[in-house]
C-alpha atoms as a PDB file:
ATOM      1  CA  MET A   1      86.145 180.208 112.869  1.00  0.00           C
ATOM      2  CA  THR A   2      86.490 176.642 114.933  1.00  0.00           C
ATOM      3  CA  THR A   3      90.688 175.911 115.189  1.00  0.00           C
ATOM      4  CA  PRO A   4      91.170 172.214 114.271  1.00  0.00           C
ATOM      5  CA  ALA A   5      91.403 169.737 117.258  1.00  0.00           C
ATOM      6  CA  GLU A   6      95.099 168.860 118.580  1.00  0.00           C
ATOM      7  CA  PRO A   7      96.471 165.463 117.430  1.00  0.00           C
ATOM      8  CA  PRO A   8      96.184 163.339 121.037  1.00  0.00           C
ATOM      9  CA  THR A   9      99.841 162.833 122.444  1.00  0.00           C
ATOM     10  CA  VAL A  10     101.310 159.424 122.163  1.00  0.00           C
ATOM     11  CA  ARG A  11     103.707 157.629 124.566  1.00  0.00           C
ATOM     12  CA  THR A  12     105.749 154.913 123.103  1.00  0.00           C
ATOM     13  CA  THR A  13     108.993 153.352 123.790  1.00  0.00           C
ATOM     14  CA  CYS A  14     109.172 152.587 119.870  1.00  0.00           C
ATOM     15  CA  ALA A  15     107.788 153.315 117.317  1.00  0.00           C
ATOM     16  CA  ILE A  16     107.185 151.331 113.794  1.00  0.00           C
ATOM     17  CA  VAL A  17     106.040 152.833 110.566  1.00  0.00           C
ATOM     18  CA  GLY A  18     105.113 150.397 108.112  1.00  0.00           C
ATOM     19  CA  GLY A  19     101.635 147.444 109.401  1.00  0.00           C
ATOM     20  CA  GLY A  20     102.861 145.309 107.155  1.00  0.00           C
ATOM     21  CA  PRO A  21     103.817 141.399 107.782  1.00  0.00           C
ATOM     22  CA  ALA A  22     107.462 142.629 108.665  1.00  0.00           C
ATOM     23  CA  GLY A  23     106.489 145.295 111.366  1.00  0.00           C
ATOM     24  CA  LEU A  24     103.516 143.804 112.705  1.00  0.00           C
ATOM     25  CA  VAL A  25     106.004 139.968 113.257  1.00  0.00           C
ATOM     26  CA  LEU A  26     108.569 143.222 114.294  1.00  0.00           C
ATOM     27  CA  GLY A  27     105.650 144.360 117.182  1.00  0.00           C
ATOM     28  CA  LEU A  28     104.659 141.443 117.670  1.00  0.00           C
ATOM     29  CA  LEU A  29     107.886 140.774 119.828  1.00  0.00           C
ATOM     30  CA  LEU A  30     108.932 143.888 121.240  1.00  0.00           C
ATOM     31  CA  ALA A  31     105.667 144.083 122.899  1.00  0.00           C
ATOM     32  CA  ARG A  32     105.878 140.228 124.220  1.00  0.00           C
ATOM     33  CA  ALA A  33     109.636 141.753 125.270  1.00  0.00           C
ATOM     34  CA  GLY A  34     107.562 143.737 127.780  1.00  0.00           C
ATOM     35  CA  VAL A  35     108.146 146.348 125.026  1.00  0.00           C
ATOM     36  CA  ALA A  36     105.385 149.372 124.505  1.00  0.00           C
ATOM     37  CA  VAL A  37     105.435 149.649 120.806  1.00  0.00           C
ATOM     38  CA  THR A  38     103.074 152.208 118.628  1.00  0.00           C
ATOM     39  CA  VAL A  39     103.174 150.638 114.575  1.00  0.00           C
ATOM     40  CA  LEU A  40     101.956 153.365 112.386  1.00  0.00           C
ATOM     41  CA  GLU A  41      99.948 151.705 109.074  1.00  0.00           C
ATOM     42  CA  LYS A  42      98.757 154.043 106.227  1.00  0.00           C
ATOM     43  CA  HIS A  43      96.204 151.775 105.722  1.00  0.00           C
ATOM     44  CA  ALA A  44      93.339 151.992 107.712  1.00  0.00           C
ATOM     45  CA  ASP A  45      92.088 148.371 106.375  1.00  0.00           C
ATOM     46  CA  PHE A  46      94.106 145.301 106.340  1.00  0.00           C
ATOM     47  CA  LEU A  47      92.210 144.240 102.208  1.00  0.00           C
ATOM     48  CA  ARG A  48      95.444 144.382 100.157  1.00  0.00           C
ATOM     49  CA  ASP A  49      97.793 141.660  99.170  1.00  0.00           C
ATOM     50  CA  PHE A  50     101.344 140.973 100.152  1.00  0.00           C
ATOM     51  CA  ARG A  51     103.480 140.052  97.915  1.00  0.00           C
ATOM     52  CA  GLY A  52     101.705 137.150  97.002  1.00  0.00           C
ATOM     53  CA  ASP A  53      98.867 134.284  97.031  1.00  0.00           C
ATOM     54  CA  THR A  54     100.955 131.259  98.977  1.00  0.00           C
ATOM     55  CA  VAL A  55     102.099 130.963 102.183  1.00  0.00           C
ATOM     56  CA  HIS A  56     105.660 129.075 101.525  1.00  0.00           C
ATOM     57  CA  PRO A  57     105.797 126.590 104.459  1.00  0.00           C
ATOM     58  CA  THR A  58     109.697 128.591 105.962  1.00  0.00           C
ATOM     59  CA  THR A  59     106.600 130.307 107.014  1.00  0.00           C
ATOM     60  CA  LEU A  60     104.668 128.215 107.933  1.00  0.00           C
ATOM     61  CA  ALA A  61     106.878 127.811 110.854  1.00  0.00           C
ATOM     62  CA  LEU A  62     107.504 130.690 111.654  1.00  0.00           C
ATOM     63  CA  LEU A  63     103.889 131.546 112.405  1.00  0.00           C
ATOM     64  CA  ASP A  64     104.427 127.579 114.633  1.00  0.00           C
ATOM     65  CA  ASP A  65     107.298 129.299 116.662  1.00  0.00           C
ATOM     66  CA  LEU A  66     105.626 133.070 117.245  1.00  0.00           C
ATOM     67  CA  GLY A  67     102.625 131.078 119.120  1.00  0.00           C
ATOM     68  CA  LEU A  68     100.017 131.431 116.184  1.00  0.00           C
ATOM     69  CA  PHE A  69      99.868 128.956 113.980  1.00  0.00           C
ATOM     70  CA  ASP A  70      96.228 127.592 115.362  1.00  0.00           C
ATOM     71  CA  ARG A  71      95.371 130.533 114.430  1.00  0.00           C
ATOM     72  CA  PHE A  72      96.598 130.563 110.501  1.00  0.00           C
ATOM     73  CA  GLU A  73      94.958 127.172 110.054  1.00  0.00           C
ATOM     74  CA  ALA A  74      91.392 128.610 111.464  1.00  0.00           C
ATOM     75  CA  ILE A  75      91.084 131.022 108.610  1.00  0.00           C
ATOM     76  CA  PRO A  76      89.407 129.754 105.393  1.00  0.00           C
ATOM     77  CA  HIS A  77      91.725 128.860 103.395  1.00  0.00           C
ATOM     78  CA  SER A  78      92.646 126.305 100.043  1.00  0.00           C
ATOM     79  CA  ARG A  79      95.981 124.428  99.792  1.00  0.00           C
ATOM     80  CA  VAL A  80      97.975 122.791  96.577  1.00  0.00           C
ATOM     81  CA  THR A  81      98.486 118.569  97.260  1.00  0.00           C
ATOM     82  CA  HIS A  82      99.004 117.491  94.496  1.00  0.00           C
ATOM     83  CA  VAL A  83      99.875 118.463  91.390  1.00  0.00           C
ATOM     84  CA  ASP A  84     100.526 117.361  87.077  1.00  0.00           C
ATOM     85  CA  LEU A  85     102.478 118.161  85.660  1.00  0.00           C
ATOM     86  CA  PRO A  86     102.223 117.826  81.739  1.00  0.00           C
ATOM     87  CA  ASP A  87     104.414 115.576  80.061  1.00  0.00           C
ATOM     88  CA  PRO A  88     107.724 117.359  77.959  1.00  0.00           C
ATOM     89  CA  GLU A  89     106.597 114.915  74.966  1.00  0.00           C
END
């Protein structure tokens, strides 16, 4: 009979539970400030939606402030530049 393997011990200054947008941005900011951060996420991949399919201008400005806009812009995406609304009459 074998015994279960002992889980590894991880030491960190800060543990963030949840790798959603808020948890990852917090982890990024803390790591940039020199804090040892561990983000705990229950999903093994990022193949899921986060509350919608659009990125608002304020979010784009935040990505730029974080220095991530160029990397974000390089991801294939579609862009809405014009919307035709039906005439109410």
